[in-house]
C-alpha atoms as a PDB file:
ATOM      1  CA  GLY A   1      80.867 110.910  96.031  1.00  0.00           C
ATOM      2  CA  GLY A   2      78.207 107.713  95.165  1.00  0.00           C
ATOM      3  CA  THR A   3      76.240 105.574  92.903  1.00  0.00           C
ATOM      4  CA  VAL A   4      72.205 105.897  93.464  1.00  0.00           C
ATOM      5  CA  VAL A   5      70.411 102.623  92.847  1.00  0.00           C
ATOM      6  CA  PHE A   6      66.630 103.795  93.117  1.00  0.00           C
ATOM      7  CA  ILE A   7      63.955 100.447  94.164  1.00  0.00           C
ATOM      8  CA  GLY A   8      60.561 100.824  92.828  1.00  0.00           C
ATOM      9  CA  THR A   9      58.109  99.814  89.604  1.00  0.00           C
ATOM     10  CA  SER A  10      57.825 100.994  86.040  1.00  0.00           C
ATOM     11  CA  ASP A  11      55.055 103.451  87.943  1.00  0.00           C
ATOM     12  CA  ASP A  12      56.093 104.602  90.855  1.00  0.00           C
ATOM     13  CA  VAL A  13      60.255 104.755  92.609  1.00  0.00           C
ATOM     14  CA  TRP A  14      60.109 103.424  96.693  1.00  0.00           C
ATOM     15  CA  GLY A  15      63.716 104.385  97.922  1.00  0.00           C
ATOM     16  CA  MET A  16      66.717 105.347  96.374  1.00  0.00           C
ATOM     17  CA  TYR A  17      69.703 104.700  98.465  1.00  0.00           C
ATOM     18  CA  CYS A  18      73.839 105.347  96.976  1.00  0.00           C
ATOM     19  CA  VAL A  19      76.405 102.858  97.654  1.00  0.00           C
ATOM     20  CA  ASN A  20      80.106 103.762  96.941  1.00  0.00           C
ATOM     21  CA  ASP A  21      83.848 102.539  97.128  1.00  0.00           C
ATOM     22  CA  ALA A  22      85.963 102.642  99.920  1.00  0.00           C
ATOM     23  CA  PRO A  23      89.926 102.356  98.554  1.00  0.00           C
ATOM     24  CA  ARG A  24      92.137 100.629 100.013  1.00  0.00           C
ATOM     25  CA  ALA A  25      94.226 102.299 103.175  1.00  0.00           C
ATOM     26  CA  GLU A  26      97.411 101.528 101.422  1.00  0.00           C
ATOM     27  CA  ALA A  27      96.341 102.954  97.773  1.00  0.00           C
ATOM     28  CA  VAL A  28      97.559 106.418  98.694  1.00  0.00           C
ATOM     29  CA  ASP A  29     100.637 105.299  99.208  1.00  0.00           C
ATOM     30  CA  VAL A  30     100.978 103.611  96.422  1.00  0.00           C
ATOM     31  CA  ILE A  31      99.761 105.991  93.893  1.00  0.00           C
ATOM     32  CA  GLN A  32     102.760 108.019  95.248  1.00  0.00           C
ATOM     33  CA  LYS A  33     105.579 105.805  95.074  1.00  0.00           C
ATOM     34  CA  LEU A  34     104.462 104.821  91.357  1.00  0.00           C
ATOM     35  CA  ASN A  35     104.893 108.678  90.616  1.00  0.00           C
ATOM     36  CA  ALA A  36     108.433 108.601  92.233  1.00  0.00           C
ATOM     37  CA  MET A  37     108.753 105.514  90.082  1.00  0.00           C
ATOM     38  CA  ARG A  38     107.140 107.785  87.338  1.00  0.00           C
ATOM     39  CA  TYR A  39     104.730 106.069  86.506  1.00  0.00           C
ATOM     40  CA  ASN A  40     101.570 108.406  85.852  1.00  0.00           C
ATOM     41  CA  VAL A  41      98.264 106.839  87.204  1.00  0.00           C
ATOM     42  CA  THR A  42      94.685 106.976  85.422  1.00  0.00           C
ATOM     43  CA  MET A  43      91.663 105.488  86.675  1.00  0.00           C
ATOM     44  CA  LEU A  44      89.450 103.410  84.759  1.00  0.00           C
ATOM     45  CA  THR A  45      85.928 103.044  86.295  1.00  0.00           C
ATOM     46  CA  GLY A  46      81.977 102.044  85.116  1.00  0.00           C
ATOM     47  CA  ASP A  47      81.144 103.968  87.310  1.00  0.00           C
ATOM     48  CA  ALA A  48      79.364 107.313  87.428  1.00  0.00           C
ATOM     49  CA  SER A  49      81.604 110.614  87.514  1.00  0.00           C
ATOM     50  CA  GLY A  50      80.474 112.182  90.344  1.00  0.00           C
ATOM     51  CA  ALA A  51      81.175 108.010  92.499  1.00  0.00           C
ATOM     52  CA  ALA A  52      84.965 108.544  90.318  1.00  0.00           C
ATOM     53  CA  LEU A  53      85.915 111.553  90.894  1.00  0.00           C
ATOM     54  CA  ALA A  54      85.383 111.245  94.956  1.00  0.00           C
ATOM     55  CA  VAL A  55      87.195 107.772  94.814  1.00  0.00           C
ATOM     56  CA  ALA A  56      90.167 109.122  92.930  1.00  0.00           C
ATOM     57  CA  GLN A  57      90.246 112.357  94.766  1.00  0.00           C
ATOM     58  CA  SER A  58      90.500 111.105  98.176  1.00  0.00           C
ATOM     59  CA  VAL A  59      93.878 108.750  96.947  1.00  0.00           C
ATOM     60  CA  GLY A  60      95.037 111.732  95.505  1.00  0.00           C
ATOM     61  CA  LEU A  61      94.410 111.317  91.922  1.00  0.00           C
ATOM     62  CA  ASP A  62      93.847 114.878  89.647  1.00  0.00           C
ATOM     63  CA  ALA A  63      90.537 114.900  88.186  1.00  0.00           C
ATOM     64  CA  THR A  64      92.707 114.952  84.124  1.00  0.00           C
ATOM     65  CA  SER A  65      93.236 110.890  85.441  1.00  0.00           C
ATOM     66  CA  VAL A  66      90.314 110.341  85.648  1.00  0.00           C
ATOM     67  CA  ARG A  67      88.513 107.707  82.915  1.00  0.00           C
ATOM     68  CA  HIS A  68      84.761 107.157  84.225  1.00  0.00           C
ATOM     69  CA  SER A  69      81.194 105.983  82.538  1.00  0.00           C
ATOM     70  CA  LEU A  70      82.993 103.105  80.621  1.00  0.00           C
ATOM     71  CA  LEU A  71      81.801  99.921  78.953  1.00  0.00           C
ATOM     72  CA  PRO A  72      83.894  97.124  79.227  1.00  0.00           C
ATOM     73  CA  GLU A  73      84.675  97.438  75.135  1.00  0.00           C
ATOM     74  CA  GLN A  74      85.043 101.803  76.146  1.00  0.00           C
ATOM     75  CA  LYS A  75      88.499 100.003  78.352  1.00  0.00           C
ATOM     76  CA  LEU A  76      89.330  98.086  75.442  1.00  0.00           C
ATOM     77  CA  SER A  77      89.706 100.529  73.152  1.00  0.00           C
ATOM     78  CA  PHE A  78      91.450 102.937  75.726  1.00  0.00           C
ATOM     79  CA  ILE A  79      94.063 100.867  76.055  1.00  0.00           C
ATOM     80  CA  GLN A  80      94.281 100.039  72.848  1.00  0.00           C
ATOM     81  CA  SER A  81      94.997 103.725  72.212  1.00  0.00           C
ATOM     82  CA  LEU A  82      97.390 103.587  74.293  1.00  0.00           C
ATOM     83  CA  MET A  83      99.807 100.534  72.953  1.00  0.00           C
ATOM     84  CA  ASN A  84      98.931 102.377  69.661  1.00  0.00           C
ATOM     85  CA  SER A  85      99.448 106.224  70.733  1.00  0.00           C
ATOM     86  CA  SER A  86     103.199 104.738  72.742  1.00  0.00           C
ATOM     87  CA  GLY A  87     104.518 102.959  69.458  1.00  0.00           C
ATOM     88  CA  SER A  88     108.039 102.978  70.707  1.00  0.00           C
ATOM     89  CA  THR A  89     108.121 106.467  72.705  1.00  0.00           C
ATOM     90  CA  ALA A  90     106.369 105.262  76.197  1.00  0.00           C
ATOM     91  CA  ASN A  91     105.738 102.391  78.022  1.00  0.00           C
ATOM     92  CA  ASN A  92     102.053 102.009  79.800  1.00  0.00           C
ATOM     93  CA  ALA A  93     101.198 100.370  82.364  1.00  0.00           C
ATOM     94  CA  HIS A  94      97.699  99.814  82.887  1.00  0.00           C
ATOM     95  CA  CYS A  95      96.454  98.607  86.204  1.00  0.00           C
ATOM     96  CA  CYS A  96      92.614  97.847  88.261  1.00  0.00           C
ATOM     97  CA  ARG A  97      91.692 101.232  86.592  1.00  0.00           C
ATOM     98  CA  THR A  98      94.681 103.007  86.961  1.00  0.00           C
ATOM     99  CA  ARG A  99      96.847 103.819  84.100  1.00  0.00           C
ATOM    100  CA  CYS A 100     100.688 104.431  84.546  1.00  0.00           C
ATOM    101  CA  ARG A 101     102.210 106.122  81.564  1.00  0.00           C
ATOM    102  CA  ASN A 102     106.080 106.286  81.172  1.00  0.00           C
ATOM    103  CA  ASP A 103     106.933 108.919  78.415  1.00  0.00           C
ATOM    104  CA  ASN A 104     110.306 108.412  77.619  1.00  0.00           C
ATOM    105  CA  SER A 105     110.137 110.415  74.241  1.00  0.00           C
ATOM    106  CA  ARG A 106     110.317 113.398  77.107  1.00  0.00           C
ATOM    107  CA  ASN A 107     113.330 112.163  77.892  1.00  0.00           C
ATOM    108  CA  GLY A 108     114.843 111.444  74.519  1.00  0.00           C
ATOM    109  CA  ASN A 109     114.315 107.383  75.463  1.00  0.00           C
ATOM    110  CA  ASN A 110     113.257 105.979  72.581  1.00  0.00           C
ATOM    111  CA  LYS A 111     113.653 102.024  73.981  1.00  0.00           C
ATOM    112  CA  ARG A 112     109.851 100.202  72.985  1.00  0.00           C
ATOM    113  CA  GLN A 113     107.649  99.916  76.240  1.00  0.00           C
ATOM    114  CA  GLY A 114     104.205  98.264  77.532  1.00  0.00           C
ATOM    115  CA  VAL A 115     100.858  98.571  78.434  1.00  0.00           C
ATOM    116  CA  VAL A 116     100.393  97.161  81.789  1.00  0.00           C
ATOM    117  CA  MET A 117      96.854  96.276  82.709  1.00  0.00           C
ATOM    118  CA  VAL A 118      95.112  95.858  86.191  1.00  0.00           C
ATOM    119  CA  GLY A 119      91.859  94.563  87.081  1.00  0.00           C
ATOM    120  CA  ASP A 120      89.646  92.752  88.555  1.00  0.00           C
ATOM    121  CA  GLY A 121      86.889  92.499  87.565  1.00  0.00           C
ATOM    122  CA  VAL A 122      85.217  90.914  84.518  1.00  0.00           C
ATOM    123  CA  ASN A 123      84.653  94.036  82.190  1.00  0.00           C
ATOM    124  CA  ASP A 124      88.447  94.298  83.332  1.00  0.00           C
ATOM    125  CA  ALA A 125      89.088  90.922  81.005  1.00  0.00           C
ATOM    126  CA  PRO A 126      89.418  92.139  77.235  1.00  0.00           C
ATOM    127  CA  ALA A 127      91.256  94.986  78.433  1.00  0.00           C
ATOM    128  CA  LEU A 128      93.747  92.443  80.687  1.00  0.00           C
ATOM    129  CA  ALA A 129      94.276  90.141  77.685  1.00  0.00           C
ATOM    130  CA  THR A 130      94.670  93.354  75.474  1.00  0.00           C
ATOM    131  CA  ALA A 131      97.923  95.116  77.116  1.00  0.00           C
ATOM    132  CA  THR A 132     101.374  93.865  77.238  1.00  0.00           C
ATOM    133  CA  VAL A 133     101.371  92.971  80.783  1.00  0.00           C
ATOM    134  CA  GLY A 134      97.478  92.096  82.728  1.00  0.00           C
ATOM    135  CA  VAL A 135      97.658  92.375  86.218  1.00  0.00           C
ATOM    136  CA  ALA A 136      95.003  90.197  88.141  1.00  0.00           C
ATOM    137  CA  MET A 137      93.918  90.777  91.942  1.00  0.00           C
ATOM    138  CA  GLY A 138      93.586  87.736  93.723  1.00  0.00           C
ATOM    139  CA  ALA A 139      90.201  88.555  94.948  1.00  0.00           C
ATOM    140  CA  GLY A 140      89.148  88.896  91.530  1.00  0.00           C
ATOM    141  CA  ALA A 141      86.671  87.127  89.348  1.00  0.00           C
ATOM    142  CA  ALA A 142      87.964  84.134  87.599  1.00  0.00           C
ATOM    143  CA  LEU A 143      87.248  85.101  84.198  1.00  0.00           C
ATOM    144  CA  ALA A 144      90.102  88.228  85.145  1.00  0.00           C
ATOM    145  CA  MET A 145      92.209  86.691  86.144  1.00  0.00           C
ATOM    146  CA  GLU A 146      92.531  83.887  83.325  1.00  0.00           C
ATOM    147  CA  THR A 147      92.801  86.551  80.588  1.00  0.00           C
ATOM    148  CA  SER A 148      95.773  87.971  82.809  1.00  0.00           C
ATOM    149  CA  ASP A 149      99.053  86.978  82.447  1.00  0.00           C
ATOM    150  CA  VAL A 150      99.761  87.661  86.390  1.00  0.00           C
ATOM    151  CA  THR A 151      97.577  87.240  89.049  1.00  0.00           C
ATOM    152  CA  LEU A 152      98.419  88.806  92.223  1.00  0.00           C
ATOM    153  CA  MET A 153      97.366  86.181  95.289  1.00  0.00           C
ATOM    154  CA  ASP A 154      95.637  89.239  97.237  1.00  0.00           C
ATOM    155  CA  SER A 155      94.289  92.759  97.119  1.00  0.00           C
ATOM    156  CA  ASN A 156      97.532  94.019  98.526  1.00  0.00           C
ATOM    157  CA  LEU A 157      98.151  96.632  96.266  1.00  0.00           C
ATOM    158  CA  ASN A 158     101.573  97.163  97.904  1.00  0.00           C
ATOM    159  CA  LYS A 159     102.277  93.483  95.897  1.00  0.00           C
ATOM    160  CA  LEU A 160     101.665  95.829  92.941  1.00  0.00           C
ATOM    161  CA  LEU A 161     105.150  98.216  93.161  1.00  0.00           C
ATOM    162  CA  PHE A 162     106.949  94.680  93.826  1.00  0.00           C
ATOM    163  CA  VAL A 163     106.469  92.771  90.536  1.00  0.00           C
ATOM    164  CA  LEU A 164     107.340  96.098  88.952  1.00  0.00           C
ATOM    165  CA  ARG A 165     110.097  96.550  91.218  1.00  0.00           C
ATOM    166  CA  ILE A 166     110.725  93.034  90.091  1.00  0.00           C
ATOM    167  CA  GLY A 167     110.567  92.996  86.475  1.00  0.00           C
ATOM    168  CA  ARG A 168     113.492  95.813  86.526  1.00  0.00           C
ATOM    169  CA  ARG A 169     115.462  94.176  88.871  1.00  0.00           C
ATOM    170  CA  THR A 170     115.443  90.764  86.548  1.00  0.00           C
ATOM    171  CA  ALA A 171     115.771  92.827  82.925  1.00  0.00           C
ATOM    172  CA  ARG A 172     118.869  94.172  84.693  1.00  0.00           C
ATOM    173  CA  LEU A 173     120.130  90.780  86.009  1.00  0.00           C
ATOM    174  CA  ILE A 174     119.612  88.866  82.626  1.00  0.00           C
ATOM    175  CA  VAL A 175     121.327  91.696  81.303  1.00  0.00           C
ATOM    176  CA  GLN A 176     123.754  91.087  83.361  1.00  0.00           C
ATOM    177  CA  ASN A 177     124.461  87.838  83.101  1.00  0.00           C
ATOM    178  CA  VAL A 178     124.523  87.430  79.311  1.00  0.00           C
ATOM    179  CA  VAL A 179     127.453  90.633  78.897  1.00  0.00           C
ATOM    180  CA  PHE A 180     129.283  88.342  80.875  1.00  0.00           C
ATOM    181  CA  SER A 181     129.269  84.861  79.965  1.00  0.00           C
ATOM    182  CA  ILE A 182     129.602  86.430  76.381  1.00  0.00           C
ATOM    183  CA  VAL A 183     132.789  88.155  77.759  1.00  0.00           C
ATOM    184  CA  VAL A 184     134.506  85.404  79.136  1.00  0.00           C
ATOM    185  CA  LYS A 185     133.582  83.325  76.351  1.00  0.00           C
ATOM    186  CA  ALA A 186     135.230  85.707  73.962  1.00  0.00           C
ATOM    187  CA  ALA A 187     137.995  85.857  76.353  1.00  0.00           C
ATOM    188  CA  VAL A 188     138.469  82.558  77.074  1.00  0.00           C
ATOM    189  CA  VAL A 189     138.423  81.798  72.950  1.00  0.00           C
ATOM    190  CA  VAL A 190     140.737  84.880  72.179  1.00  0.00           C
ATOM    191  CA  LEU A 191     143.143  82.980  74.992  1.00  0.00           C
ATOM    192  CA  THR A 192     143.216  80.030  73.502  1.00  0.00           C
ATOM    193  CA  PHE A 193     143.784  80.750  70.193  1.00  0.00           C
ATOM    194  CA  VAL A 194     146.856  82.498  71.545  1.00  0.00           C
ATOM    195  CA  GLY A 195     148.059  79.584  72.936  1.00  0.00           C
ATOM    196  CA  TYR A 196     147.513  81.046  76.621  1.00  0.00           C
ATOM    197  CA  THR A 197     144.763  78.933  78.475  1.00  0.00           C
ATOM    198  CA  SER A 198     144.567  74.669  78.245  1.00  0.00           C
ATOM    199  CA  LEU A 199     141.385  73.057  77.952  1.00  0.00           C
ATOM    200  CA  TRP A 200     141.028  72.921  82.201  1.00  0.00           C
ATOM    201  CA  GLY A 201     141.438  76.342  82.195  1.00  0.00           C
ATOM    202  CA  ALA A 202     138.655  76.613  79.757  1.00  0.00           C
ATOM    203  CA  ILE A 203     136.688  74.572  81.498  1.00  0.00           C
ATOM    204  CA  ILE A 204     137.617  76.291  84.982  1.00  0.00           C
ATOM    205  CA  ALA A 205     136.466  79.346  82.908  1.00  0.00           C
ATOM    206  CA  ASP A 206     133.183  77.625  81.925  1.00  0.00           C
ATOM    207  CA  VAL A 207     132.062  76.511  85.562  1.00  0.00           C
ATOM    208  CA  GLY A 208     133.522  79.735  87.270  1.00  0.00           C
ATOM    209  CA  SER A 209     131.201  81.862  85.060  1.00  0.00           C
ATOM    210  CA  MET A 210     128.284  79.642  85.038  1.00  0.00           C
ATOM    211  CA  LEU A 211     128.415  80.015  89.153  1.00  0.00           C
ATOM    212  CA  CYS A 212     129.130  83.578  88.316  1.00  0.00           C
ATOM    213  CA  VAL A 213     125.611  83.915  86.847  1.00  0.00           C
ATOM    214  CA  THR A 214     123.757  81.854  89.495  1.00  0.00           C
ATOM    215  CA  LEU A 215     125.108  83.267  92.192  1.00  0.00           C
ATOM    216  CA  ASN A 216     123.966  86.899  91.060  1.00  0.00           C
ATOM    217  CA  GLY A 217     120.736  85.692  89.622  1.00  0.00           C
ATOM    218  CA  MET A 218     119.746  84.660  93.156  1.00  0.00           C
ATOM    219  CA  ARG A 219     120.483  88.144  94.359  1.00  0.00           C
ATOM    220  CA  LEU A 220     116.765  88.056  93.585  1.00  0.00           C
ATOM    221  CA  LEU A 221     115.484  86.126  97.229  1.00  0.00           C
ATOM    222  CA  ALA A 222     116.464  89.187  99.147  1.00  0.00           C
ATOM    223  CA  SER A 223     114.085  90.887  96.812  1.00  0.00           C
ATOM    224  CA  LYS A 224     111.741  88.646  98.168  1.00  0.00           C
ATOM    225  CA  ASP A 225     112.159  88.607 101.313  1.00  0.00           C
ATOM    226  CA  ALA A 226     112.403  92.116 101.743  1.00  0.00           C
ATOM    227  CA  SER A 227     109.047  92.082 100.612  1.00  0.00           C
ATOM    228  CA  SER A 228     107.483  89.550 102.509  1.00  0.00           C
ATOM    229  CA  ASP A 229     108.646  91.746 105.521  1.00  0.00           C
ATOM    230  CA  ALA A 230     107.045  94.617 104.680  1.00  0.00           C
ATOM    231  CA  ASN A 231     103.432  93.392 103.375  1.00  0.00           C
ATOM    232  CA  SER A 232     103.492  91.327 106.907  1.00  0.00           C
ATOM    233  CA  ASN A 233     103.173  94.501 108.429  1.00  0.00           C
ATOM    234  CA  ILE A 234     100.421  95.651 105.767  1.00  0.00           C
ATOM    235  CA  ASN A 235      96.558  94.959 107.236  1.00  0.00           C
ATOM    236  CA  ASP A 236      95.282  93.062 104.907  1.00  0.00           C
ATOM    237  CA  ALA A 237      91.213  94.904 104.325  1.00  0.00           C
ATOM    238  CA  ASP A 238      89.237  92.774 102.664  1.00  0.00           C
ATOM    239  CA  SER A 239      88.642  94.364  98.558  1.00  0.00           C
ATOM    240  CA  ILE A 240      85.649  96.263  97.368  1.00  0.00           C
ATOM    241  CA  SER A 241      83.760  94.106  94.391  1.00  0.00           C
ATOM    242  CA  GLY A 242      83.579  96.554  91.388  1.00  0.00           C
ATOM    243  CA  ALA A 243      86.231  98.695  92.675  1.00  0.00           C
ATOM    244  CA  PRO A 244      87.700 101.076  89.875  1.00  0.00           C
ATOM    245  CA  SER A 245      90.336 100.050  87.655  1.00  0.00           C
ATOM    246  CA  SER A 246      93.427 101.846  87.212  1.00  0.00           C
ATOM    247  CA  SER A 247      96.457 101.832  84.339  1.00  0.00           C
ATOM    248  CA  LEU A 248     100.342 103.026  84.796  1.00  0.00           C
ATOM    249  CA  GLN A 249     102.594 104.439  82.233  1.00  0.00           C
ATOM    250  CA  GLN A 250     105.694 104.944  83.101  1.00  0.00           C
ATOM    251  CA  GLN A 251     107.658 108.145  82.076  1.00  0.00           C
END
């Protein structure tokens, strides 16, 4: 269940030892929640099969969700294959050596989706830069943070859930605000042409719609406060250097 390291010279072996990556305390809960959000998680790692499968089993992943012994270019090719195969029917997210796939085509939903890659090491940087959205862990390598689109301030995996949820809420609020603004403007134009409104009425409608849109957007602040309260109850264990990366694909 670990990576064996040999010590010696070109002629003799002096000794050997085994190292492995300890999963973070919140990893199991986060993966379960990602599955509940209809993300399929796949672990990508450069570790050998034994070490990779041991970590995957400890966090609730089966063997089919593990890609092991991968070089940086192989991780990059995997992400590129996800993006090419998803096209307009699947949403892929690659997170710190875990892959989640959103397969909307199963439900007849052909909305275009993307690939999210989450990683913390130098080896993850090419895949982070290629994915639709790259998420770097804050305690990881500087190159990973420079090439990613989103950087978590620490290695608390619950913040990955917060990023995904706040992204969904933000997209919904944007649609709500745009639709509301267009409807109000259209109503004012129609009422103006039929003579049922005045200049002051148009001004009040414009200012009122602006205030409504602003207040609706401020609802995101409640999500931030809720996330802060939840994270305060979680032990922030030290991150393990070289831990596997993951990709997420939403179903």
